[in-house]
Amino acid sequence: MIVEIWIGYGGVVVFFAVIVLVLERSKRSATGFSDYATAGRSFGPFYSTMAFINTWLPGTIFIAFAGYAASAGVAGFYFVPYSLLAVVLMFFLAKPVHRWGKRFDLRTQADLLGLRYGSKPVRVIAAVIGIVASFPWLVLGMQSLTYVFSYLSFGVVPATVAVFIGIFVIVVRQIWTVRLGARGIVISDMVQGIVAYGIGTLIAFGLLVWLLGNGHGFDRIDPAFTTIPGPDSAVGGLYFFSLVLTGALGAWSWPDIFVRLFTSNGTATIKRSAVQAAPIILVFGSAVSLFAIAASTYPGVSEAPDAVWFIVASIGGPVVLTLAGLCVLAGTMGNVGANLQALGTQAANDIVGVARGSRVENPRVGQISVAVLAIVAAIFALSTATSSAGLVQLAQISYQGIVQLAPTLFFGIFWRRGTATGAAAAMIAGFVTAGVLQFFFPLSIPALGGMTSGVAALIVNALVYVGFAFLAPASAAERARVDRLFDTLAAPDHDQVAQSADPALEETAR
């Protein structure tokens, strides 16, 4: 038993040390707040691809998502199509987001919306929704390492203790997030991504082959596992569609995902990253989902589906189980770190900066914001470690809430007619509607054919946005400003331009 614990916990120590070594060797002090927030917009396709994937696919992909596939069958594949749709949207967002970001020195998602609508209230509302909706997932991310430190102790450390070990490890990891900002996140994502989704894919396929060869083939699974919820199901026919739609649109509503478009060194890089990310997500997502479905008949999985990754990996002995645990740790490190850095930066740039009426330029402000947020998240994680049911419900509500940024974001980027008043009203109406509906209908809304609260609220949101655009259109001066903003996208060589030639446009970004 002692040998197994040395392998399990020793593997964690070695992996942690490798990440720290990579970060220290690549350490470079931020030259300003923008550099701290966006890593100088300097990374190429490979780093950008791994940064997106390691942020997008959290460690809980091996736990909650695999658990859903193990308990519901092919419906658990839902994260694969919505992830691929998110990659498609990434391709189309590349040009306007990166070029406006570099031209006007934008640091966050809320910063971009403030520029597009020429409105500080829009910027603050977007920042607040992003932070409020993301925070529960940040806390749950810190708590998600419970399985890792419980299983890698081979029964010695109970879950009630393992959760505190996990929180301690992930909080210590944030020292480098605070110090290095976006640059440290992107560099560490390269190593963490290779472990989580490279080794993770190999383990998933290996375990799948073992399951199929040892009496756990797909012919043994529950026949209900081969269908997705239909019109006659308890959740309704639109439930699966709602999950995919919310996931795809919500992808670019999360602040930590959106900022990945700012850390790349050009539009072409982002598009290449999208092309590279698609097959990785498809292969990895399919491997994990198929493994989990096949494992549904393995002893102990039906009683604890969220532990399917660890239960089945145990057949490979301590080495395989340790590697499986490191996959979860690597995915969690990437997601929690990116979340903290993005939310801390957004708080400093779009709330503190607006409140004091001046552009934040000192990277120390960002470091302090990230550190404070990490401490607050750790306190919440520790205080709810043994009774996080309420936090889980809040996280579910928050996912329906974060997607309410989508109409303001996508309409704003691809349609010139939207107004600041309409954007602010739409975000608030959508967020409140989603929260109320989620309270009364936690899973789906029967009267709407199984539509989720987030999708129903999106309809309200979009109607408010479009209604204001036509019934209370922008002034002639505002339309001219928006036209000039969009016209900048037609000029050549934007990726080489760092400043606007139009003072009036540049001022709206401040």
Protein backbone atom coordinates (compact mmCIF):
# COMPACT_ATOMS: atom_id res chain seq x y z
CA MET A 1 0.00 0.00 0.00
CA ILE A 2 2.84 2.40 0.83
CA VAL A 3 4.38 1.80 -2.60
CA GLU A 4 1.08 2.59 -4.31
CA ILE A 5 0.69 5.84 -2.37
CA TRP A 6 4.23 6.85 -3.30
CA ILE A 7 3.39 6.23 -6.96
CA GLY A 8 0.08 8.10 -6.77
CA TYR A 9 1.03 11.15 -4.75
CA GLY A 10 4.60 11.07 -6.08
CA GLY A 11 3.23 11.36 -9.60
CA VAL A 12 1.33 14.48 -8.59
CA VAL A 13 4.46 16.02 -7.05
CA VAL A 14 6.54 15.29 -10.17
CA PHE A 15 3.89 16.69 -12.50
CA PHE A 16 3.49 19.80 -10.37
CA ALA A 17 7.26 20.28 -10.36
CA VAL A 18 7.40 19.98 -14.17
CA ILE A 19 4.74 22.68 -14.56
CA VAL A 20 6.56 25.00 -12.18
CA LEU A 21 9.88 24.38 -13.96
CA VAL A 22 8.35 25.18 -17.35
CA LEU A 23 6.80 28.36 -15.99
CA GLU A 24 9.97 29.53 -14.25
CA ARG A 25 12.14 28.91 -17.32
CA SER A 26 9.74 30.87 -19.52
CA LYS A 27 9.08 33.61 -16.96
CA ARG A 28 8.93 37.14 -18.32
CA SER A 29 7.69 40.17 -16.43
CA ALA A 30 4.62 41.85 -17.89
CA THR A 31 5.44 45.22 -19.43
CA GLY A 32 2.00 46.59 -18.60
CA PHE A 33 -1.56 45.60 -17.77
CA SER A 34 -2.35 44.75 -21.39
CA ASP A 35 0.62 42.39 -21.55
CA TYR A 36 -0.48 40.80 -18.25
CA ALA A 37 -4.05 40.36 -19.56
CA THR A 38 -3.34 39.19 -23.12
CA ALA A 39 0.26 37.88 -23.06
CA GLY A 40 1.23 40.53 -25.57
CA ARG A 41 -1.00 38.87 -28.21
CA SER A 42 2.09 36.83 -29.07
CA PHE A 43 1.28 33.12 -29.26
CA GLY A 44 1.19 31.00 -32.40
CA PRO A 45 -1.20 28.22 -33.49
CA PHE A 46 0.02 25.31 -31.34
CA TYR A 47 0.05 27.25 -28.09
CA SER A 48 -3.26 28.91 -29.00
CA THR A 49 -4.86 25.54 -29.74
CA MET A 50 -3.76 23.98 -26.47
CA ALA A 51 -4.74 27.12 -24.53
CA PHE A 52 -8.26 26.98 -25.95
CA ILE A 53 -8.68 23.24 -25.35
CA ASN A 54 -7.18 23.24 -21.83
CA THR A 55 -9.48 26.12 -20.89
CA TRP A 56 -12.54 24.74 -22.65
CA LEU A 57 -12.35 21.13 -21.41
CA PRO A 58 -12.05 21.17 -17.59
CA GLY A 59 -10.89 18.31 -15.41
CA THR A 60 -14.50 17.49 -14.66
CA ILE A 61 -14.83 16.23 -18.24
CA PHE A 62 -13.43 12.97 -16.81
CA ILE A 63 -15.85 13.10 -13.88
CA ALA A 64 -19.25 14.75 -14.41
CA PHE A 65 -19.33 14.50 -18.21
CA ALA A 66 -18.04 10.91 -18.26
CA GLY A 67 -20.44 10.17 -15.42
CA TYR A 68 -23.36 11.49 -17.44
CA ALA A 69 -22.43 9.23 -20.37
CA ALA A 70 -22.10 6.28 -17.98
CA SER A 71 -25.58 6.92 -16.59
CA ALA A 72 -27.44 8.17 -19.69
CA GLY A 73 -25.68 6.67 -22.72
CA VAL A 74 -25.29 8.48 -26.05
CA ALA A 75 -26.93 11.60 -24.60
CA GLY A 76 -23.60 12.05 -22.84
CA PHE A 77 -22.07 12.86 -26.23
CA TYR A 78 -23.78 16.24 -26.14
CA PHE A 79 -20.60 18.09 -25.19
CA VAL A 80 -18.89 16.87 -28.39
CA PRO A 81 -21.24 18.52 -30.92
CA TYR A 82 -21.53 21.74 -28.96
CA SER A 83 -17.75 21.88 -28.61
CA LEU A 84 -17.35 21.45 -32.36
CA LEU A 85 -19.93 24.18 -32.98
CA ALA A 86 -17.96 26.41 -30.62
CA VAL A 87 -14.88 25.80 -32.76
CA VAL A 88 -16.84 26.82 -35.87
CA LEU A 89 -17.86 30.05 -34.16
CA MET A 90 -14.21 30.57 -33.18
CA PHE A 91 -13.32 30.58 -36.87
CA PHE A 92 -15.80 33.36 -37.64
CA LEU A 93 -15.02 35.41 -34.54
CA ALA A 94 -11.30 35.45 -35.32
CA LYS A 95 -11.17 38.50 -37.57
CA PRO A 96 -13.33 41.07 -35.76
CA VAL A 97 -12.31 40.10 -32.23
CA HIS A 98 -8.57 39.89 -32.75
CA ARG A 99 -8.34 42.93 -34.98
CA TRP A 100 -10.45 45.16 -32.78
CA GLY A 101 -8.59 43.77 -29.78
CA LYS A 102 -5.17 44.66 -31.11
CA ARG A 103 -6.18 47.93 -32.73
CA PHE A 104 -7.86 49.29 -29.60
CA ASP A 105 -5.81 47.45 -26.96
CA LEU A 106 -8.80 45.47 -25.68
CA ARG A 107 -8.07 43.14 -22.78
CA THR A 108 -11.36 41.39 -21.98
CA GLN A 109 -14.70 40.37 -23.41
CA ALA A 110 -16.44 43.21 -21.55
CA ASP A 111 -13.82 45.62 -22.92
CA LEU A 112 -14.80 44.67 -26.46
CA LEU A 113 -18.51 45.11 -25.76
CA GLY A 114 -17.79 48.52 -24.24
CA LEU A 115 -16.07 49.51 -27.48
CA ARG A 116 -18.74 48.08 -29.78
CA TYR A 117 -21.61 49.84 -28.02
CA GLY A 118 -19.66 52.91 -26.92
CA SER A 119 -21.03 52.34 -23.43
CA LYS A 120 -19.49 51.93 -19.99
CA PRO A 121 -22.76 50.54 -18.51
CA VAL A 122 -22.75 47.75 -21.12
CA ARG A 123 -19.13 47.04 -20.27
CA VAL A 124 -19.81 46.85 -16.53
CA ILE A 125 -22.99 44.76 -16.87
CA ALA A 126 -21.18 42.25 -19.09
CA ALA A 127 -18.26 42.11 -16.64
CA VAL A 128 -20.53 41.55 -13.63
CA ILE A 129 -22.55 38.80 -15.36
CA GLY A 130 -19.33 37.11 -16.45
CA ILE A 131 -17.88 37.14 -12.95
CA VAL A 132 -21.08 36.18 -11.11
CA ALA A 133 -21.87 33.34 -13.51
CA SER A 134 -18.32 31.97 -13.57
CA PHE A 135 -17.54 32.11 -9.86
CA PRO A 136 -19.46 28.95 -8.81
CA TRP A 137 -17.63 26.96 -11.48
CA LEU A 138 -14.34 28.33 -10.17
CA VAL A 139 -15.18 27.05 -6.69
CA LEU A 140 -16.38 23.69 -7.98
CA GLY A 141 -13.22 23.41 -10.07
CA MET A 142 -11.17 23.74 -6.91
CA GLN A 143 -13.24 21.00 -5.30
CA SER A 144 -13.12 18.66 -8.31
CA LEU A 145 -9.76 17.15 -7.36
CA THR A 146 -11.38 15.17 -4.55
CA TYR A 147 -11.48 12.01 -6.66
CA VAL A 148 -7.83 12.45 -7.66
CA PHE A 149 -6.41 12.59 -4.14
CA SER A 150 -8.86 10.03 -2.80
CA TYR A 151 -8.19 7.36 -5.45
CA LEU A 152 -4.44 8.04 -5.68
CA SER A 153 -4.18 7.36 -1.94
CA PHE A 154 -5.55 3.86 -2.65
CA GLY A 155 -8.13 4.06 0.09
CA VAL A 156 -5.97 5.63 2.78
CA VAL A 157 -7.25 9.21 2.43
CA PRO A 158 -11.06 9.57 2.68
CA ALA A 159 -12.93 11.91 0.35
CA THR A 160 -13.65 14.31 3.23
CA VAL A 161 -9.89 14.86 3.60
CA ALA A 162 -8.99 14.55 -0.10
CA VAL A 163 -11.15 17.55 -0.97
CA PHE A 164 -9.03 19.77 1.26
CA ILE A 165 -5.80 18.40 -0.22
CA GLY A 166 -7.13 19.13 -3.70
CA ILE A 167 -8.10 22.69 -2.81
CA PHE A 168 -4.70 23.29 -1.23
CA VAL A 169 -2.85 22.03 -4.32
CA ILE A 170 -4.90 24.06 -6.80
CA VAL A 171 -4.60 27.21 -4.68
CA VAL A 172 -0.81 26.87 -4.46
CA ARG A 173 -0.76 26.48 -8.23
CA GLN A 174 -2.39 29.92 -8.53
CA ILE A 175 0.77 31.61 -7.22
CA TRP A 176 2.10 31.41 -10.77
CA THR A 177 -1.23 32.53 -12.23
CA VAL A 178 -1.04 35.68 -10.11
CA ARG A 179 2.60 36.33 -10.95
CA LEU A 180 2.64 35.57 -14.68
CA GLY A 181 -0.88 36.34 -15.88
CA ALA A 182 -2.05 35.21 -19.31
CA ARG A 183 1.46 34.31 -20.50
CA GLY A 184 1.87 31.78 -17.72
CA ILE A 185 -1.58 30.35 -18.40
CA VAL A 186 -0.92 29.80 -22.10
CA ILE A 187 2.52 28.26 -21.57
CA SER A 188 1.34 25.88 -18.86
CA ASP A 189 -1.70 24.96 -20.98
CA MET A 190 0.66 23.48 -23.53
CA VAL A 191 2.06 20.95 -21.03
CA GLN A 192 -1.21 20.40 -19.19
CA GLY A 193 -3.12 19.96 -22.44
CA ILE A 194 -0.75 17.27 -23.72
CA VAL A 195 -1.19 15.34 -20.48
CA ALA A 196 -4.95 15.81 -20.11
CA TYR A 197 -6.06 15.21 -23.70
CA GLY A 198 -3.10 13.36 -25.20
CA ILE A 199 -2.53 10.82 -22.44
CA GLY A 200 -6.23 11.01 -21.58
CA THR A 201 -7.21 9.88 -25.08
CA LEU A 202 -4.76 6.97 -24.99
CA ILE A 203 -6.05 5.84 -21.59
CA ALA A 204 -9.69 6.13 -22.70
CA PHE A 205 -9.08 4.06 -25.84
CA GLY A 206 -7.00 1.52 -23.91
CA LEU A 207 -9.66 1.07 -21.26
CA LEU A 208 -12.35 0.87 -23.94
CA VAL A 209 -10.50 -1.96 -25.70
CA TRP A 210 -10.13 -3.79 -22.39
CA LEU A 211 -13.84 -3.38 -21.61
CA LEU A 212 -14.92 -4.61 -25.03
CA GLY A 213 -12.67 -7.65 -24.69
CA ASN A 214 -13.81 -8.54 -21.20
CA GLY A 215 -17.57 -8.81 -21.41
CA HIS A 216 -18.54 -5.15 -21.38
CA GLY A 217 -19.41 -4.63 -25.03
CA PHE A 218 -22.02 -2.24 -26.33
CA ASP A 219 -24.40 -5.15 -26.79
CA ARG A 220 -24.58 -5.43 -23.00
CA ILE A 221 -25.65 -1.86 -22.27
CA ASP A 222 -29.19 -0.77 -21.47
CA PRO A 223 -31.11 -0.29 -24.78
CA ALA A 224 -32.26 3.12 -23.50
CA PHE A 225 -28.60 4.21 -23.65
CA THR A 226 -28.71 4.17 -27.45
CA THR A 227 -31.24 7.00 -27.81
CA ILE A 228 -31.37 10.67 -26.96
CA PRO A 229 -34.40 12.16 -25.15
CA GLY A 230 -37.38 12.43 -27.51
CA PRO A 231 -40.77 14.20 -27.38
CA ASP A 232 -42.19 11.46 -25.16
CA SER A 233 -39.32 11.52 -22.67
CA ALA A 234 -39.57 12.97 -19.19
CA VAL A 235 -37.33 15.93 -20.10
CA GLY A 236 -38.95 16.66 -23.48
CA GLY A 237 -37.90 16.62 -27.12
CA LEU A 238 -36.11 19.97 -27.07
CA TYR A 239 -33.94 19.15 -24.08
CA PHE A 240 -30.97 17.71 -25.97
CA PHE A 241 -31.17 20.49 -28.56
CA SER A 242 -31.18 23.05 -25.76
CA LEU A 243 -28.06 21.54 -24.19
CA VAL A 244 -26.16 21.71 -27.47
CA LEU A 245 -27.35 25.22 -28.35
CA THR A 246 -26.60 26.60 -24.89
CA GLY A 247 -23.19 24.96 -24.91
CA ALA A 248 -22.21 26.30 -28.33
CA LEU A 249 -23.38 29.88 -27.75
CA GLY A 250 -22.22 29.87 -24.16
CA ALA A 251 -18.68 28.90 -25.17
CA TRP A 252 -17.76 32.43 -26.18
CA SER A 253 -19.77 33.97 -23.38
CA TRP A 254 -17.35 32.65 -20.76
CA PRO A 255 -14.68 35.34 -20.13
CA ASP A 256 -11.83 32.82 -19.85
CA ILE A 257 -12.63 31.27 -23.24
CA PHE A 258 -13.14 34.60 -24.99
CA VAL A 259 -9.78 36.02 -23.92
CA ARG A 260 -8.04 33.20 -25.82
CA LEU A 261 -8.85 35.19 -28.95
CA PHE A 262 -6.75 38.05 -27.58
CA THR A 263 -3.65 36.00 -26.69
CA SER A 264 -3.09 34.76 -30.26
CA ASN A 265 -0.75 36.66 -32.56
CA GLY A 266 -3.11 37.04 -35.49
CA THR A 267 -6.37 36.21 -37.23
CA ALA A 268 -4.74 33.43 -39.25
CA THR A 269 -3.44 31.87 -36.03
CA ILE A 270 -6.92 31.75 -34.49
CA LYS A 271 -8.36 30.14 -37.62
CA ARG A 272 -5.57 27.56 -37.69
CA SER A 273 -6.21 26.87 -34.01
CA ALA A 274 -9.86 26.23 -34.77
CA VAL A 275 -8.89 23.74 -37.49
CA GLN A 276 -6.44 22.01 -35.14
CA ALA A 277 -8.79 21.97 -32.15
CA ALA A 278 -11.71 20.30 -33.96
CA PRO A 279 -10.14 16.84 -34.51
CA ILE A 280 -8.58 16.84 -31.02
CA ILE A 281 -11.95 17.54 -29.42
CA LEU A 282 -13.73 15.01 -31.67
CA VAL A 283 -11.29 12.18 -30.97
CA PHE A 284 -10.86 12.89 -27.27
CA GLY A 285 -14.56 13.53 -26.62
CA SER A 286 -15.61 10.41 -28.50
CA ALA A 287 -13.02 8.27 -26.72
CA VAL A 288 -14.09 9.37 -23.25
CA SER A 289 -17.81 9.09 -24.04
CA LEU A 290 -17.56 5.63 -25.64
CA PHE A 291 -15.41 4.42 -22.76
CA ALA A 292 -17.94 5.67 -20.21
CA ILE A 293 -20.90 4.10 -22.03
CA ALA A 294 -19.15 0.73 -22.27
CA ALA A 295 -18.14 1.00 -18.61
CA SER A 296 -21.76 1.43 -17.52
CA THR A 297 -21.97 -2.36 -17.02
CA TYR A 298 -18.71 -2.54 -15.03
CA PRO A 299 -19.19 -3.35 -11.32
CA GLY A 300 -19.59 -0.26 -9.15
CA VAL A 301 -20.10 2.24 -11.98
CA SER A 302 -23.91 2.37 -11.83
CA GLU A 303 -23.68 3.19 -8.12
CA ALA A 304 -21.06 5.94 -8.62
CA PRO A 305 -21.06 7.00 -12.31
CA ASP A 306 -19.01 10.15 -11.63
CA ALA A 307 -16.14 7.91 -10.51
CA VAL A 308 -16.18 5.81 -13.70
CA TRP A 309 -12.81 7.14 -14.88
CA PHE A 310 -11.08 6.04 -11.68
CA ILE A 311 -13.05 2.84 -11.07
CA VAL A 312 -12.12 1.35 -14.45
CA ALA A 313 -8.60 2.83 -14.53
CA SER A 314 -7.91 0.87 -11.36
CA ILE A 315 -7.70 -2.31 -13.44
CA GLY A 316 -4.40 -1.04 -14.85
CA GLY A 317 -2.73 -0.87 -11.45
CA PRO A 318 -1.19 2.11 -9.68
CA VAL A 319 0.68 3.48 -12.71
CA VAL A 320 -2.37 3.66 -14.98
CA LEU A 321 -4.53 5.00 -12.16
CA THR A 322 -1.93 7.67 -11.40
CA LEU A 323 -1.79 8.73 -15.06
CA ALA A 324 -5.60 8.86 -15.09
CA GLY A 325 -5.50 11.09 -12.01
CA LEU A 326 -2.90 13.37 -13.61
CA CYS A 327 -5.23 13.84 -16.60
CA VAL A 328 -7.89 15.20 -14.27
CA LEU A 329 -5.35 17.33 -12.41
CA ALA A 330 -3.96 18.78 -15.65
CA GLY A 331 -7.41 19.62 -16.99
CA THR A 332 -8.42 21.22 -13.71
CA MET A 333 -5.24 23.29 -13.47
CA GLY A 334 -5.87 24.71 -16.93
CA ASN A 335 -9.51 25.56 -16.37
CA VAL A 336 -9.20 27.00 -12.86
CA GLY A 337 -6.10 29.03 -13.72
CA ALA A 338 -7.63 30.48 -16.88
CA ASN A 339 -10.85 31.27 -15.05
CA LEU A 340 -9.06 33.06 -12.23
CA GLN A 341 -6.84 35.06 -14.56
CA ALA A 342 -9.74 36.10 -16.82
CA LEU A 343 -12.12 37.03 -14.00
CA GLY A 344 -9.45 38.86 -12.00
CA THR A 345 -8.41 40.80 -15.09
CA GLN A 346 -12.02 41.61 -15.90
CA ALA A 347 -12.68 42.84 -12.37
CA ALA A 348 -9.63 45.12 -12.53
CA ASN A 349 -10.11 46.32 -16.10
CA ASP A 350 -13.87 46.66 -16.41
CA ILE A 351 -15.09 47.35 -12.88
CA VAL A 352 -12.23 48.97 -10.98
CA GLY A 353 -11.02 50.81 -14.08
CA VAL A 354 -14.47 52.16 -14.94
CA ALA A 355 -15.20 53.07 -11.31
CA ARG A 356 -12.07 55.18 -11.02
CA GLY A 357 -12.56 56.66 -14.48
CA SER A 358 -9.16 55.78 -15.90
CA ARG A 359 -7.58 53.04 -17.96
CA VAL A 360 -5.72 50.43 -15.90
CA GLU A 361 -2.09 50.26 -17.01
CA ASN A 362 -0.20 48.83 -14.04
CA PRO A 363 -0.03 45.00 -14.11
CA ARG A 364 0.10 45.06 -10.31
CA VAL A 365 -3.62 45.92 -10.30
CA GLY A 366 -4.33 42.75 -12.24
CA GLN A 367 -2.14 40.66 -9.96
CA ILE A 368 -3.91 41.97 -6.88
CA SER A 369 -7.34 41.30 -8.42
CA VAL A 370 -6.41 37.74 -9.38
CA ALA A 371 -4.92 37.09 -5.93
CA VAL A 372 -8.00 38.44 -4.12
CA LEU A 373 -10.32 36.38 -6.30
CA ALA A 374 -8.22 33.25 -5.69
CA ILE A 375 -8.40 33.78 -1.92
CA VAL A 376 -12.16 34.39 -1.98
CA ALA A 377 -12.73 31.32 -4.19
CA ALA A 378 -10.57 29.20 -1.87
CA ILE A 379 -12.56 30.35 1.16
CA PHE A 380 -15.82 29.44 -0.55
CA ALA A 381 -14.38 26.11 -1.70
CA LEU A 382 -13.24 25.23 1.80
CA SER A 383 -16.45 26.36 3.49
CA THR A 384 -18.64 24.36 1.09
CA ALA A 385 -16.30 21.41 0.65
CA THR A 386 -18.50 18.91 2.48
CA SER A 387 -21.89 20.35 1.52
CA SER A 388 -21.70 21.81 -1.97
CA ALA A 389 -25.18 20.83 -3.18
CA GLY A 390 -26.37 24.44 -3.15
CA LEU A 391 -23.28 25.54 -5.02
CA VAL A 392 -23.87 22.87 -7.66
CA GLN A 393 -27.39 24.21 -8.18
CA LEU A 394 -26.02 27.74 -8.45
CA ALA A 395 -23.49 26.55 -11.02
CA GLN A 396 -26.28 25.01 -13.09
CA ILE A 397 -28.19 28.28 -12.95
CA SER A 398 -25.05 30.19 -13.84
CA TYR A 399 -24.59 28.25 -17.07
CA GLN A 400 -28.06 29.29 -18.14
CA GLY A 401 -27.13 32.83 -17.09
CA ILE A 402 -23.76 33.20 -18.83
CA VAL A 403 -25.26 32.39 -22.22
CA GLN A 404 -27.38 35.54 -21.87
CA LEU A 405 -24.30 37.47 -23.01
CA ALA A 406 -24.52 35.73 -26.40
CA PRO A 407 -27.09 37.96 -28.16
CA THR A 408 -25.27 41.15 -27.16
CA LEU A 409 -21.96 39.59 -28.20
CA PHE A 410 -22.89 37.95 -31.51
CA PHE A 411 -25.40 40.54 -32.69
CA GLY A 412 -22.91 43.22 -31.75
CA ILE A 413 -20.05 41.70 -33.69
CA PHE A 414 -21.96 40.70 -36.81
CA TRP A 415 -24.80 43.28 -36.96
CA ARG A 416 -24.38 47.04 -36.90
CA ARG A 417 -27.87 48.00 -35.79
CA GLY A 418 -27.80 46.98 -32.11
CA THR A 419 -27.76 49.76 -29.50
CA ALA A 420 -26.24 50.19 -26.07
CA THR A 421 -29.66 50.55 -24.44
CA GLY A 422 -30.90 47.42 -26.15
CA ALA A 423 -27.77 45.48 -25.20
CA ALA A 424 -27.99 46.45 -21.53
CA ALA A 425 -31.73 45.73 -21.33
CA ALA A 426 -31.34 42.42 -23.17
CA MET A 427 -28.55 41.14 -20.91
CA ILE A 428 -30.43 42.04 -17.74
CA ALA A 429 -33.76 40.67 -19.00
CA GLY A 430 -32.16 37.44 -20.16
CA PHE A 431 -30.15 36.89 -16.99
CA VAL A 432 -33.12 37.53 -14.68
CA THR A 433 -35.47 35.41 -16.80
CA ALA A 434 -32.99 32.52 -16.85
CA GLY A 435 -32.60 32.66 -13.07
CA VAL A 436 -36.35 32.69 -12.40
CA LEU A 437 -37.11 29.89 -14.87
CA GLN A 438 -34.21 27.80 -13.57
CA PHE A 439 -35.62 28.09 -10.04
CA PHE A 440 -39.02 26.73 -11.10
CA PHE A 441 -37.78 24.35 -13.82
CA PRO A 442 -34.30 23.07 -12.84
CA LEU A 443 -34.07 20.55 -15.69
CA SER A 444 -36.42 21.57 -18.51
CA ILE A 445 -39.72 23.35 -19.12
CA PRO A 446 -42.50 20.86 -20.02
CA ALA A 447 -44.81 23.51 -21.48
CA LEU A 448 -42.06 24.49 -23.93
CA GLY A 449 -41.36 20.96 -25.13
CA GLY A 450 -38.37 20.41 -22.88
CA MET A 451 -36.61 23.68 -23.59
CA THR A 452 -34.18 24.66 -20.84
CA SER A 453 -34.42 27.90 -18.89
CA GLY A 454 -31.37 29.30 -20.67
CA VAL A 455 -32.81 28.83 -24.16
CA ALA A 456 -36.21 30.21 -23.16
CA ALA A 457 -34.46 33.24 -21.67
CA LEU A 458 -32.38 33.60 -24.85
CA ILE A 459 -35.60 34.11 -26.81
CA VAL A 460 -36.66 36.88 -24.44
CA ASN A 461 -33.15 38.30 -24.58
CA ALA A 462 -33.00 38.37 -28.37
CA LEU A 463 -36.47 39.88 -28.69
CA VAL A 464 -35.54 42.70 -26.32
CA TYR A 465 -32.29 43.35 -28.20
CA VAL A 466 -33.90 43.38 -31.66
CA GLY A 467 -36.91 45.32 -30.38
CA PHE A 468 -34.74 48.17 -29.14
CA ALA A 469 -32.73 48.11 -32.36
CA PHE A 470 -35.86 48.82 -34.44
CA LEU A 471 -38.12 50.70 -32.03
CA ALA A 472 -35.43 52.91 -30.45
CA PRO A 473 -32.66 53.04 -33.05
CA ALA A 474 -29.29 54.65 -32.48
CA SER A 475 -28.69 58.31 -33.25
CA ALA A 476 -27.07 59.35 -36.50
CA ALA A 477 -23.81 60.08 -34.67
CA GLU A 478 -23.80 56.65 -33.04
CA ARG A 479 -24.55 54.92 -36.34
CA ALA A 480 -21.66 56.79 -37.93
CA ARG A 481 -19.35 55.73 -35.09
CA VAL A 482 -20.37 52.07 -35.45
CA ASP A 483 -19.91 52.27 -39.22
CA ARG A 484 -16.38 53.59 -38.75
CA LEU A 485 -15.68 50.79 -36.28
CA PHE A 486 -16.81 48.11 -38.72
CA ASP A 487 -15.05 49.82 -41.60
CA THR A 488 -11.75 49.29 -39.79
CA LEU A 489 -12.15 45.57 -40.48
CA ALA A 490 -11.95 46.17 -44.22
CA ALA A 491 -8.55 47.89 -44.07
CA PRO A 492 -5.47 45.76 -44.85
CA ASP A 493 -2.82 44.53 -42.42
CA HIS A 494 -4.82 45.09 -39.26
CA ASP A 495 -2.81 42.45 -37.45
CA GLN A 496 0.17 44.81 -37.71
CA VAL A 497 -1.72 47.86 -36.41
CA ALA A 498 -1.56 48.51 -32.69
CA GLN A 499 -3.38 51.84 -32.42
CA SER A 500 -6.41 53.49 -33.93
CA ALA A 501 -6.07 56.39 -36.29
CA ASP A 502 -9.50 57.63 -35.18
CA PRO A 503 -9.33 59.34 -31.73
CA ALA A 504 -13.11 59.27 -31.37
CA LEU A 505 -13.19 55.50 -31.84
CA GLU A 506 -10.26 54.93 -29.57
CA GLU A 507 -11.87 56.97 -26.79
CA THR A 508 -14.88 54.60 -26.70
CA ALA A 509 -12.56 51.76 -25.75
CA ARG A 510 -11.36 53.61 -22.64
